Amino acid sequence: MKSRLFAALALLVGALSLLSCVDSDQTQEVILERDKEAIQKFLQENPIASVKEYSEPIEGFYMFWQVSTKETRNNLLKGDTVSVNYVGKTLDKKIFDTSIEQVARDNGIFNSGRKYQPLRYAVGYGFTITGFEFALSMMHAGEKATVIFPSRLGYGSQASGGIPANSPLIFELELVQVKKGPNLNP
């Protein structure tokens, strides 16, 4: 009986000590609200010209097409292979990655050991961050769009390369090609 009481007390003390380590400023809800405010401020100060728009303000996701096709049905299915040119930026407009050599050179991030070409990958297997893949799922071959999304759809609380933790991201995307794959959808 004493050992059960001791174990329960130890568990309670351990749980309380863990809770005291949680920074209330870093909860997912607080981070999302902070991201959404930063995105709104960015959009107010930097309007993005577009021919078509999509937004999920509750999620903090915004997409602006600069080039759109007349296609209306969903273009991408799990297993399709996409080729996409991209420029990734933080809200301060600092470019952290690109598939375009001249953009890399112009922004001081050129790597001579890298082959600059459209990113090519199979959709639906988690090869890219959530916001990037969601944006592509709304595009058709030949379209160009700018997408802005909160950190939880990007790298979240993990810093990655030149991207600080909890950073909302901007991607300029050009869906160059879609190669249909096996229909792996249920």
N, C-alpha and C. Protein backbone atom coordinates (compact mmCIF):
# COMPACT_ATOMS: atom_id res chain seq x y z
N MET A 1 0.82 -1.19 0.00
CA MET A 1 0.00 0.00 0.00
C MET A 1 0.87 1.26 0.00
N LYS A 2 1.92 1.23 0.86
CA LYS A 2 2.81 2.39 0.92
C LYS A 2 3.50 2.62 -0.42
N SER A 3 3.87 1.53 -1.12
CA SER A 3 4.58 1.69 -2.38
C SER A 3 3.66 2.29 -3.45
N ARG A 4 2.37 1.93 -3.43
CA ARG A 4 1.43 2.54 -4.37
C ARG A 4 1.24 4.02 -4.09
N LEU A 5 1.12 4.35 -2.82
CA LEU A 5 0.97 5.75 -2.44
C LEU A 5 2.22 6.54 -2.83
N PHE A 6 3.39 5.95 -2.59
CA PHE A 6 4.64 6.60 -2.96
C PHE A 6 4.73 6.78 -4.48
N ALA A 7 4.35 5.75 -5.24
CA ALA A 7 4.38 5.82 -6.71
C ALA A 7 3.43 6.89 -7.23
N ALA A 8 2.23 6.96 -6.66
CA ALA A 8 1.25 7.97 -7.08
C ALA A 8 1.76 9.37 -6.75
N LEU A 9 2.35 9.52 -5.57
CA LEU A 9 2.89 10.81 -5.18
C LEU A 9 4.05 11.21 -6.09
N ALA A 10 4.91 10.26 -6.42
CA ALA A 10 6.04 10.54 -7.32
C ALA A 10 5.53 10.94 -8.71
N LEU A 11 4.50 10.25 -9.17
CA LEU A 11 3.91 10.58 -10.47
C LEU A 11 3.33 11.98 -10.46
N LEU A 12 2.64 12.33 -9.40
CA LEU A 12 2.05 13.67 -9.27
C LEU A 12 3.13 14.74 -9.24
N VAL A 13 4.19 14.52 -8.48
CA VAL A 13 5.28 15.48 -8.40
C VAL A 13 5.95 15.62 -9.77
N GLY A 14 6.15 14.49 -10.44
CA GLY A 14 6.76 14.53 -11.78
C GLY A 14 5.90 15.30 -12.77
N ALA A 15 4.59 15.09 -12.73
CA ALA A 15 3.69 15.80 -13.63
C ALA A 15 3.70 17.29 -13.34
N LEU A 16 3.68 17.66 -12.08
CA LEU A 16 3.73 19.08 -11.72
C LEU A 16 5.04 19.72 -12.15
N SER A 17 6.13 19.00 -12.01
CA SER A 17 7.41 19.57 -12.43
C SER A 17 7.46 19.76 -13.94
N LEU A 18 6.87 18.82 -14.69
CA LEU A 18 6.81 18.99 -16.15
C LEU A 18 5.94 20.18 -16.53
N LEU A 19 4.81 20.33 -15.87
CA LEU A 19 3.93 21.45 -16.18
C LEU A 19 4.59 22.78 -15.88
N SER A 20 5.42 22.82 -14.85
CA SER A 20 6.09 24.08 -14.52
C SER A 20 7.12 24.45 -15.57
N CYS A 21 7.55 23.47 -16.38
CA CYS A 21 8.52 23.73 -17.44
C CYS A 21 7.88 24.25 -18.71
N VAL A 22 6.57 24.12 -18.84
CA VAL A 22 5.88 24.55 -20.06
C VAL A 22 5.76 26.06 -20.03
N ASP A 23 6.31 26.71 -21.03
CA ASP A 23 6.24 28.15 -21.17
C ASP A 23 4.89 28.50 -21.77
N SER A 24 4.07 29.24 -21.02
CA SER A 24 2.72 29.56 -21.50
C SER A 24 2.75 30.38 -22.79
N ASP A 25 3.85 31.08 -23.04
CA ASP A 25 3.97 31.83 -24.29
C ASP A 25 4.24 30.92 -25.48
N GLN A 26 4.54 29.67 -25.23
CA GLN A 26 4.91 28.77 -26.31
C GLN A 26 3.87 27.69 -26.59
N THR A 27 2.67 27.80 -26.05
CA THR A 27 1.65 26.82 -26.37
C THR A 27 1.27 26.95 -27.84
N GLN A 28 0.80 25.87 -28.43
CA GLN A 28 0.45 25.88 -29.85
C GLN A 28 -0.57 26.96 -30.18
N GLU A 29 -1.55 27.15 -29.29
CA GLU A 29 -2.57 28.16 -29.55
C GLU A 29 -1.98 29.57 -29.56
N VAL A 30 -1.10 29.83 -28.62
CA VAL A 30 -0.47 31.15 -28.54
C VAL A 30 0.42 31.38 -29.75
N ILE A 31 1.18 30.37 -30.13
CA ILE A 31 2.06 30.49 -31.29
C ILE A 31 1.24 30.72 -32.56
N LEU A 32 0.14 29.98 -32.72
CA LEU A 32 -0.72 30.17 -33.90
C LEU A 32 -1.29 31.58 -33.94
N GLU A 33 -1.77 32.08 -32.82
CA GLU A 33 -2.31 33.45 -32.79
C GLU A 33 -1.24 34.47 -33.12
N ARG A 34 -0.04 34.28 -32.60
CA ARG A 34 1.07 35.19 -32.89
C ARG A 34 1.42 35.13 -34.38
N ASP A 35 1.46 33.91 -34.94
CA ASP A 35 1.73 33.74 -36.37
C ASP A 35 0.67 34.44 -37.21
N LYS A 36 -0.61 34.24 -36.86
CA LYS A 36 -1.69 34.85 -37.65
C LYS A 36 -1.62 36.37 -37.60
N GLU A 37 -1.30 36.94 -36.46
CA GLU A 37 -1.14 38.39 -36.36
C GLU A 37 0.02 38.87 -37.24
N ALA A 38 1.12 38.14 -37.22
CA ALA A 38 2.29 38.52 -38.03
C ALA A 38 1.96 38.42 -39.52
N ILE A 39 1.23 37.38 -39.91
CA ILE A 39 0.84 37.21 -41.30
C ILE A 39 -0.09 38.33 -41.74
N GLN A 40 -1.08 38.67 -40.89
CA GLN A 40 -2.00 39.76 -41.22
C GLN A 40 -1.24 41.07 -41.39
N LYS A 41 -0.31 41.34 -40.49
CA LYS A 41 0.49 42.56 -40.59
C LYS A 41 1.29 42.56 -41.89
N PHE A 42 1.91 41.43 -42.22
CA PHE A 42 2.68 41.32 -43.45
C PHE A 42 1.79 41.62 -44.66
N LEU A 43 0.61 41.00 -44.71
CA LEU A 43 -0.28 41.19 -45.85
C LEU A 43 -0.78 42.63 -45.96
N GLN A 44 -0.99 43.29 -44.84
CA GLN A 44 -1.41 44.70 -44.88
C GLN A 44 -0.30 45.58 -45.42
N GLU A 45 0.94 45.28 -45.04
CA GLU A 45 2.08 46.09 -45.47
C GLU A 45 2.62 45.69 -46.84
N ASN A 46 2.29 44.50 -47.30
CA ASN A 46 2.82 43.96 -48.55
C ASN A 46 1.71 43.30 -49.36
N PRO A 47 0.81 44.08 -49.93
CA PRO A 47 -0.27 43.45 -50.71
C PRO A 47 0.31 42.62 -51.85
N ILE A 48 -0.32 41.49 -52.12
CA ILE A 48 0.16 40.58 -53.16
C ILE A 48 -0.84 40.59 -54.31
N ALA A 49 -0.36 41.01 -55.49
CA ALA A 49 -1.21 41.04 -56.68
C ALA A 49 -1.57 39.62 -57.06
N SER A 50 -2.83 39.42 -57.45
CA SER A 50 -3.24 38.07 -57.80
C SER A 50 -4.41 38.07 -58.76
N VAL A 51 -4.56 36.95 -59.45
CA VAL A 51 -5.71 36.75 -60.34
C VAL A 51 -6.75 35.86 -59.68
N LYS A 52 -6.35 35.19 -58.60
CA LYS A 52 -7.24 34.30 -57.85
C LYS A 52 -6.67 34.19 -56.44
N GLU A 53 -7.56 34.05 -55.44
CA GLU A 53 -7.11 33.95 -54.05
C GLU A 53 -7.84 32.83 -53.33
N TYR A 54 -7.20 32.32 -52.30
CA TYR A 54 -7.81 31.34 -51.40
C TYR A 54 -7.29 31.66 -50.01
N SER A 55 -8.17 31.60 -49.02
CA SER A 55 -7.70 31.83 -47.66
C SER A 55 -8.48 30.99 -46.65
N GLU A 56 -7.79 30.66 -45.60
CA GLU A 56 -8.34 29.99 -44.41
C GLU A 56 -7.86 30.83 -43.23
N PRO A 57 -8.52 31.98 -42.96
CA PRO A 57 -8.02 32.87 -41.91
C PRO A 57 -7.92 32.22 -40.53
N ILE A 58 -8.81 31.29 -40.22
CA ILE A 58 -8.75 30.63 -38.91
C ILE A 58 -7.46 29.82 -38.78
N GLU A 59 -7.01 29.25 -39.89
CA GLU A 59 -5.76 28.48 -39.90
C GLU A 59 -4.55 29.35 -40.21
N GLY A 60 -4.77 30.57 -40.70
CA GLY A 60 -3.67 31.45 -41.05
C GLY A 60 -3.04 31.14 -42.39
N PHE A 61 -3.79 30.51 -43.29
CA PHE A 61 -3.28 30.07 -44.59
C PHE A 61 -3.84 30.99 -45.68
N TYR A 62 -2.95 31.55 -46.51
CA TYR A 62 -3.35 32.45 -47.60
C TYR A 62 -2.60 32.06 -48.86
N MET A 63 -3.34 32.08 -49.98
CA MET A 63 -2.72 31.72 -51.26
C MET A 63 -3.19 32.70 -52.32
N PHE A 64 -2.23 33.18 -53.13
CA PHE A 64 -2.51 34.17 -54.16
C PHE A 64 -1.88 33.67 -55.47
N TRP A 65 -2.72 33.44 -56.47
CA TRP A 65 -2.23 32.98 -57.77
C TRP A 65 -1.82 34.17 -58.62
N GLN A 66 -0.63 34.14 -59.19
CA GLN A 66 -0.21 35.15 -60.15
C GLN A 66 -0.52 34.67 -61.56
N VAL A 67 -0.50 33.36 -61.78
CA VAL A 67 -0.88 32.74 -63.05
C VAL A 67 -1.81 31.59 -62.70
N SER A 68 -2.97 31.57 -63.36
CA SER A 68 -3.95 30.51 -63.09
C SER A 68 -4.43 29.93 -64.41
N THR A 69 -4.78 28.65 -64.38
CA THR A 69 -5.35 28.01 -65.56
C THR A 69 -6.87 27.97 -65.39
N LYS A 70 -7.55 27.55 -66.41
CA LYS A 70 -9.01 27.44 -66.36
C LYS A 70 -9.45 26.12 -65.73
N GLU A 71 -8.50 25.26 -65.42
CA GLU A 71 -8.79 23.95 -64.85
C GLU A 71 -9.58 24.11 -63.54
N THR A 72 -10.58 23.28 -63.33
CA THR A 72 -11.39 23.40 -62.12
C THR A 72 -11.35 22.17 -61.23
N ARG A 73 -11.07 21.00 -61.78
CA ARG A 73 -11.07 19.80 -60.93
C ARG A 73 -9.72 19.68 -60.21
N ASN A 74 -9.73 18.91 -59.11
CA ASN A 74 -8.50 18.68 -58.36
C ASN A 74 -7.49 18.02 -59.27
N ASN A 75 -6.31 18.56 -59.30
CA ASN A 75 -5.28 18.11 -60.23
C ASN A 75 -4.40 17.01 -59.66
N LEU A 76 -4.08 17.04 -58.38
CA LEU A 76 -3.10 16.13 -57.82
C LEU A 76 -3.74 15.01 -57.01
N LEU A 77 -3.19 13.81 -57.19
CA LEU A 77 -3.58 12.67 -56.39
C LEU A 77 -2.35 12.07 -55.74
N LYS A 78 -2.55 11.36 -54.65
CA LYS A 78 -1.44 10.69 -53.98
C LYS A 78 -0.75 9.78 -55.00
N GLY A 79 0.57 9.89 -55.05
CA GLY A 79 1.34 9.08 -55.99
C GLY A 79 1.73 9.82 -57.26
N ASP A 80 1.06 10.95 -57.55
CA ASP A 80 1.46 11.77 -58.70
C ASP A 80 2.83 12.37 -58.40
N THR A 81 3.63 12.57 -59.43
CA THR A 81 4.94 13.20 -59.26
C THR A 81 4.86 14.62 -59.78
N VAL A 82 5.28 15.56 -58.94
CA VAL A 82 5.27 16.97 -59.32
C VAL A 82 6.69 17.46 -59.52
N SER A 83 6.83 18.45 -60.38
CA SER A 83 8.06 19.22 -60.54
C SER A 83 7.67 20.65 -60.25
N VAL A 84 8.35 21.27 -59.28
CA VAL A 84 7.96 22.60 -58.85
C VAL A 84 9.19 23.47 -58.61
N ASN A 85 9.16 24.67 -59.17
CA ASN A 85 10.15 25.69 -58.82
C ASN A 85 9.61 26.43 -57.61
N TYR A 86 10.51 26.82 -56.72
CA TYR A 86 10.06 27.50 -55.50
C TYR A 86 11.11 28.48 -54.99
N VAL A 87 10.62 29.46 -54.25
CA VAL A 87 11.46 30.37 -53.49
C VAL A 87 10.84 30.42 -52.10
N GLY A 88 11.59 30.04 -51.07
CA GLY A 88 11.11 30.06 -49.70
C GLY A 88 11.65 31.26 -48.95
N LYS A 89 10.75 31.96 -48.21
CA LYS A 89 11.14 33.17 -47.48
C LYS A 89 10.51 33.17 -46.09
N THR A 90 11.11 33.92 -45.20
CA THR A 90 10.48 34.22 -43.92
C THR A 90 9.72 35.54 -44.09
N LEU A 91 8.92 35.90 -43.09
CA LEU A 91 8.11 37.12 -43.22
C LEU A 91 8.94 38.40 -43.35
N ASP A 92 10.21 38.35 -42.98
CA ASP A 92 11.07 39.53 -43.18
C ASP A 92 11.66 39.55 -44.60
N LYS A 93 11.12 38.67 -45.47
CA LYS A 93 11.48 38.56 -46.89
C LYS A 93 12.87 37.99 -47.13
N LYS A 94 13.45 37.39 -46.10
CA LYS A 94 14.77 36.76 -46.25
C LYS A 94 14.58 35.39 -46.90
N ILE A 95 15.25 35.21 -48.04
CA ILE A 95 15.15 33.95 -48.77
C ILE A 95 16.05 32.92 -48.09
N PHE A 96 15.46 31.76 -47.77
CA PHE A 96 16.23 30.71 -47.12
C PHE A 96 16.50 29.52 -48.04
N ASP A 97 15.73 29.39 -49.13
CA ASP A 97 15.96 28.29 -50.06
C ASP A 97 15.25 28.58 -51.38
N THR A 98 15.78 28.01 -52.45
CA THR A 98 15.17 28.16 -53.76
C THR A 98 15.66 27.06 -54.68
N SER A 99 14.87 26.76 -55.67
CA SER A 99 15.28 25.81 -56.70
C SER A 99 15.84 26.54 -57.92
N ILE A 100 15.89 27.86 -57.85
CA ILE A 100 16.28 28.69 -58.99
C ILE A 100 17.67 29.27 -58.76
N GLU A 101 18.63 28.90 -59.60
CA GLU A 101 20.02 29.30 -59.41
C GLU A 101 20.20 30.81 -59.33
N GLN A 102 19.60 31.58 -60.23
CA GLN A 102 19.81 33.02 -60.23
C GLN A 102 19.28 33.67 -58.95
N VAL A 103 18.17 33.17 -58.44
CA VAL A 103 17.63 33.70 -57.17
C VAL A 103 18.61 33.40 -56.04
N ALA A 104 19.18 32.20 -56.04
CA ALA A 104 20.16 31.85 -55.01
C ALA A 104 21.39 32.77 -55.10
N ARG A 105 21.88 33.00 -56.31
CA ARG A 105 23.05 33.87 -56.50
C ARG A 105 22.74 35.30 -56.04
N ASP A 106 21.57 35.81 -56.45
CA ASP A 106 21.19 37.19 -56.13
C ASP A 106 20.99 37.42 -54.63
N ASN A 107 20.74 36.34 -53.89
CA ASN A 107 20.43 36.48 -52.46
C ASN A 107 21.49 35.89 -51.54
N GLY A 108 22.65 35.60 -52.10
CA GLY A 108 23.78 35.15 -51.29
C GLY A 108 23.61 33.77 -50.67
N ILE A 109 22.80 32.91 -51.27
CA ILE A 109 22.64 31.57 -50.72
C ILE A 109 23.04 30.50 -51.73
N PHE A 110 23.75 30.90 -52.78
CA PHE A 110 24.17 29.97 -53.82
C PHE A 110 25.13 28.93 -53.26
N ASN A 111 24.93 27.68 -53.66
CA ASN A 111 25.79 26.58 -53.25
C ASN A 111 26.26 25.90 -54.53
N SER A 112 27.56 25.99 -54.80
CA SER A 112 28.09 25.45 -56.06
C SER A 112 27.96 23.93 -56.15
N GLY A 113 27.77 23.27 -55.03
CA GLY A 113 27.63 21.82 -55.04
C GLY A 113 26.20 21.34 -55.27
N ARG A 114 25.29 22.27 -55.37
CA ARG A 114 23.88 21.93 -55.55
C ARG A 114 23.48 22.06 -57.01
N LYS A 115 22.60 21.18 -57.44
CA LYS A 115 22.05 21.28 -58.79
C LYS A 115 20.71 22.01 -58.68
N TYR A 116 20.64 23.19 -59.27
CA TYR A 116 19.41 23.99 -59.22
C TYR A 116 18.48 23.56 -60.35
N GLN A 117 17.35 23.05 -59.96
CA GLN A 117 16.33 22.59 -60.90
C GLN A 117 15.03 22.44 -60.13
N PRO A 118 13.91 22.28 -60.83
CA PRO A 118 12.66 22.10 -60.10
C PRO A 118 12.73 20.91 -59.15
N LEU A 119 12.16 21.08 -57.97
CA LEU A 119 12.03 19.99 -57.01
C LEU A 119 11.06 18.97 -57.58
N ARG A 120 11.45 17.71 -57.55
CA ARG A 120 10.61 16.65 -58.10
C ARG A 120 10.37 15.62 -57.01
N TYR A 121 9.10 15.33 -56.73
CA TYR A 121 8.78 14.34 -55.70
C TYR A 121 7.37 13.80 -55.88
N ALA A 122 7.10 12.67 -55.26
CA ALA A 122 5.77 12.06 -55.29
C ALA A 122 4.90 12.67 -54.19
N VAL A 123 3.72 13.08 -54.54
CA VAL A 123 2.79 13.74 -53.63
C VAL A 123 2.20 12.73 -52.64
N GLY A 124 2.01 13.19 -51.40
CA GLY A 124 1.28 12.41 -50.42
C GLY A 124 2.10 11.54 -49.50
N TYR A 125 3.42 11.69 -49.53
CA TYR A 125 4.27 10.84 -48.70
C TYR A 125 5.08 11.63 -47.68
N GLY A 126 4.76 12.89 -47.47
CA GLY A 126 5.44 13.69 -46.46
C GLY A 126 6.85 14.12 -46.82
N PHE A 127 7.15 14.23 -48.11
CA PHE A 127 8.49 14.65 -48.52
C PHE A 127 8.73 16.14 -48.31
N THR A 128 7.65 16.91 -48.22
CA THR A 128 7.79 18.36 -47.99
C THR A 128 6.94 18.75 -46.78
N ILE A 129 7.09 19.99 -46.36
CA ILE A 129 6.31 20.46 -45.22
C ILE A 129 4.83 20.59 -45.61
N THR A 130 3.98 20.53 -44.64
CA THR A 130 2.53 20.48 -44.84
C THR A 130 1.99 21.65 -45.65
N GLY A 131 2.37 22.87 -45.32
CA GLY A 131 1.86 24.05 -46.02
C GLY A 131 2.24 24.07 -47.48
N PHE A 132 3.45 23.65 -47.78
CA PHE A 132 3.96 23.57 -49.16
C PHE A 132 3.12 22.57 -49.96
N GLU A 133 2.94 21.38 -49.40
CA GLU A 133 2.21 20.34 -50.12
C GLU A 133 0.73 20.69 -50.25
N PHE A 134 0.14 21.30 -49.22
CA PHE A 134 -1.26 21.70 -49.31
C PHE A 134 -1.44 22.73 -50.43
N ALA A 135 -0.54 23.68 -50.52
CA ALA A 135 -0.63 24.69 -51.58
C ALA A 135 -0.55 24.03 -52.95
N LEU A 136 0.40 23.12 -53.12
CA LEU A 136 0.52 22.44 -54.41
C LEU A 136 -0.74 21.64 -54.75
N SER A 137 -1.40 21.11 -53.74
CA SER A 137 -2.61 20.31 -53.99
C SER A 137 -3.73 21.16 -54.58
N MET A 138 -3.61 22.46 -54.46
CA MET A 138 -4.63 23.38 -54.98
C MET A 138 -4.23 23.96 -56.33
N MET A 139 -3.09 23.54 -56.85
CA MET A 139 -2.58 24.10 -58.09
C MET A 139 -2.69 23.11 -59.24
N HIS A 140 -2.57 23.64 -60.44
CA HIS A 140 -2.53 22.85 -61.67
C HIS A 140 -1.23 23.18 -62.39
N ALA A 141 -0.78 22.25 -63.22
CA ALA A 141 0.45 22.48 -63.98
C ALA A 141 0.35 23.80 -64.74
N GLY A 142 1.42 24.59 -64.68
CA GLY A 142 1.47 25.87 -65.36
C GLY A 142 1.10 27.05 -64.46
N GLU A 143 0.61 26.77 -63.26
CA GLU A 143 0.21 27.87 -62.38
C GLU A 143 1.37 28.35 -61.51
N LYS A 144 1.29 29.63 -61.15
CA LYS A 144 2.24 30.24 -60.23
C LYS A 144 1.43 30.87 -59.11
N ALA A 145 1.92 30.70 -57.87
CA ALA A 145 1.19 31.25 -56.73
C ALA A 145 2.16 31.59 -55.61
N THR A 146 1.72 32.49 -54.75
CA THR A 146 2.43 32.81 -53.52
C THR A 146 1.56 32.33 -52.38
N VAL A 147 2.16 31.59 -51.46
CA VAL A 147 1.42 31.05 -50.32
C VAL A 147 2.10 31.50 -49.04
N ILE A 148 1.29 31.81 -48.04
CA ILE A 148 1.80 32.22 -46.72
C ILE A 148 1.07 31.37 -45.70
N PHE A 149 1.83 30.80 -44.76
CA PHE A 149 1.19 29.96 -43.76
C PHE A 149 1.95 30.02 -42.43
N PRO A 150 1.26 29.64 -41.34
CA PRO A 150 1.86 29.70 -40.01
C PRO A 150 2.91 28.62 -39.81
N SER A 151 3.69 28.78 -38.76
CA SER A 151 4.81 27.88 -38.48
C SER A 151 4.38 26.43 -38.31
N ARG A 152 3.19 26.19 -37.78
CA ARG A 152 2.79 24.80 -37.57
C ARG A 152 2.60 24.03 -38.88
N LEU A 153 2.42 24.75 -40.00
CA LEU A 153 2.35 24.10 -41.31
C LEU A 153 3.72 24.09 -42.00
N GLY A 154 4.71 24.64 -41.28
CA GLY A 154 6.08 24.67 -41.80
C GLY A 154 6.98 23.79 -40.95
N TYR A 155 7.93 24.42 -40.26
CA TYR A 155 8.88 23.67 -39.45
C TYR A 155 8.54 23.71 -37.97
N GLY A 156 7.43 24.36 -37.60
CA GLY A 156 6.99 24.37 -36.21
C GLY A 156 8.02 24.94 -35.28
N SER A 157 8.20 24.28 -34.14
CA SER A 157 9.12 24.77 -33.11
C SER A 157 10.57 24.38 -33.38
N GLN A 158 10.82 23.71 -34.50
CA GLN A 158 12.18 23.33 -34.86
C GLN A 158 12.79 24.37 -35.79
N ALA A 159 13.96 24.87 -35.44
CA ALA A 159 14.69 25.73 -36.36
C ALA A 159 15.22 24.83 -37.48
N SER A 160 15.31 25.37 -38.68
CA SER A 160 15.81 24.58 -39.81
C SER A 160 16.65 25.47 -40.70
N GLY A 161 17.94 25.21 -40.73
CA GLY A 161 18.83 26.04 -41.55
C GLY A 161 18.74 27.49 -41.12
N GLY A 162 18.39 28.37 -42.04
CA GLY A 162 18.26 29.79 -41.74
C GLY A 162 16.88 30.18 -41.26
N ILE A 163 16.05 29.21 -40.91
CA ILE A 163 14.68 29.49 -40.49
C ILE A 163 14.59 29.36 -38.98
N PRO A 164 14.28 30.45 -38.28
CA PRO A 164 14.12 30.35 -36.82
C PRO A 164 12.89 29.50 -36.45
N ALA A 165 12.90 28.95 -35.27
CA ALA A 165 11.75 28.20 -34.77
C ALA A 165 10.51 29.10 -34.78
N ASN A 166 9.36 28.50 -34.97
CA ASN A 166 8.07 29.19 -34.95
C ASN A 166 7.99 30.34 -35.95
N SER A 167 8.45 30.09 -37.16
CA SER A 167 8.44 31.12 -38.21
C SER A 167 7.35 30.84 -39.24
N PRO A 168 6.42 31.80 -39.42
CA PRO A 168 5.52 31.69 -40.57
C PRO A 168 6.36 31.77 -41.84
N LEU A 169 5.90 31.11 -42.90
CA LEU A 169 6.69 31.05 -44.13
C LEU A 169 5.92 31.55 -45.34
N ILE A 170 6.68 31.99 -46.34
CA ILE A 170 6.16 32.40 -47.63
C ILE A 170 6.85 31.55 -48.69
N PHE A 171 6.07 31.02 -49.62
CA PHE A 171 6.66 30.31 -50.75
C PHE A 171 6.07 30.87 -52.04
N GLU A 172 6.95 31.16 -52.98
CA GLU A 172 6.54 31.45 -54.34
C GLU A 172 6.68 30.14 -55.09
N LEU A 173 5.59 29.66 -55.66
CA LEU A 173 5.57 28.34 -56.28
C LEU A 173 5.22 28.43 -57.76
N GLU A 174 5.85 27.60 -58.55
CA GLU A 174 5.48 27.42 -59.94
C GLU A 174 5.39 25.92 -60.18
N LEU A 175 4.18 25.43 -60.38
CA LEU A 175 3.99 24.00 -60.64
C LEU A 175 4.29 23.75 -62.11
N VAL A 176 5.48 23.25 -62.36
CA VAL A 176 5.99 23.08 -63.72
C VAL A 176 5.33 21.90 -64.42
N GLN A 177 5.23 20.78 -63.71
CA GLN A 177 4.72 19.57 -64.35
C GLN A 177 4.09 18.65 -63.31
N VAL A 178 3.06 17.92 -63.77
CA VAL A 178 2.44 16.87 -62.96
C VAL A 178 2.46 15.60 -63.81
N LYS A 179 3.12 14.58 -63.28
CA LYS A 179 3.13 13.29 -63.97
C LYS A 179 2.23 12.36 -63.15
N LYS A 180 1.16 11.89 -63.78
CA LYS A 180 0.21 11.03 -63.09
C LYS A 180 0.87 9.74 -62.67
N GLY A 181 0.62 9.36 -61.43
CA GLY A 181 1.15 8.11 -60.90
C GLY A 181 0.05 7.09 -60.75
N PRO A 182 0.36 5.99 -60.12
CA PRO A 182 -0.69 5.00 -59.89
C PRO A 182 -1.74 5.61 -58.96
N ASN A 183 -2.98 5.31 -59.20
CA ASN A 183 -4.04 5.86 -58.36
C ASN A 183 -4.04 5.11 -57.04
N LEU A 184 -3.40 5.72 -56.05
CA LEU A 184 -3.28 5.10 -54.73
C LEU A 184 -4.37 5.59 -53.78
N ASN A 185 -5.30 6.36 -54.28
CA ASN A 185 -6.36 6.89 -53.42
C ASN A 185 -7.43 5.84 -53.20
N PRO A 186 -7.98 5.79 -51.98
CA PRO A 186 -9.03 4.80 -51.68
C PRO A 186 -10.30 5.08 -52.45
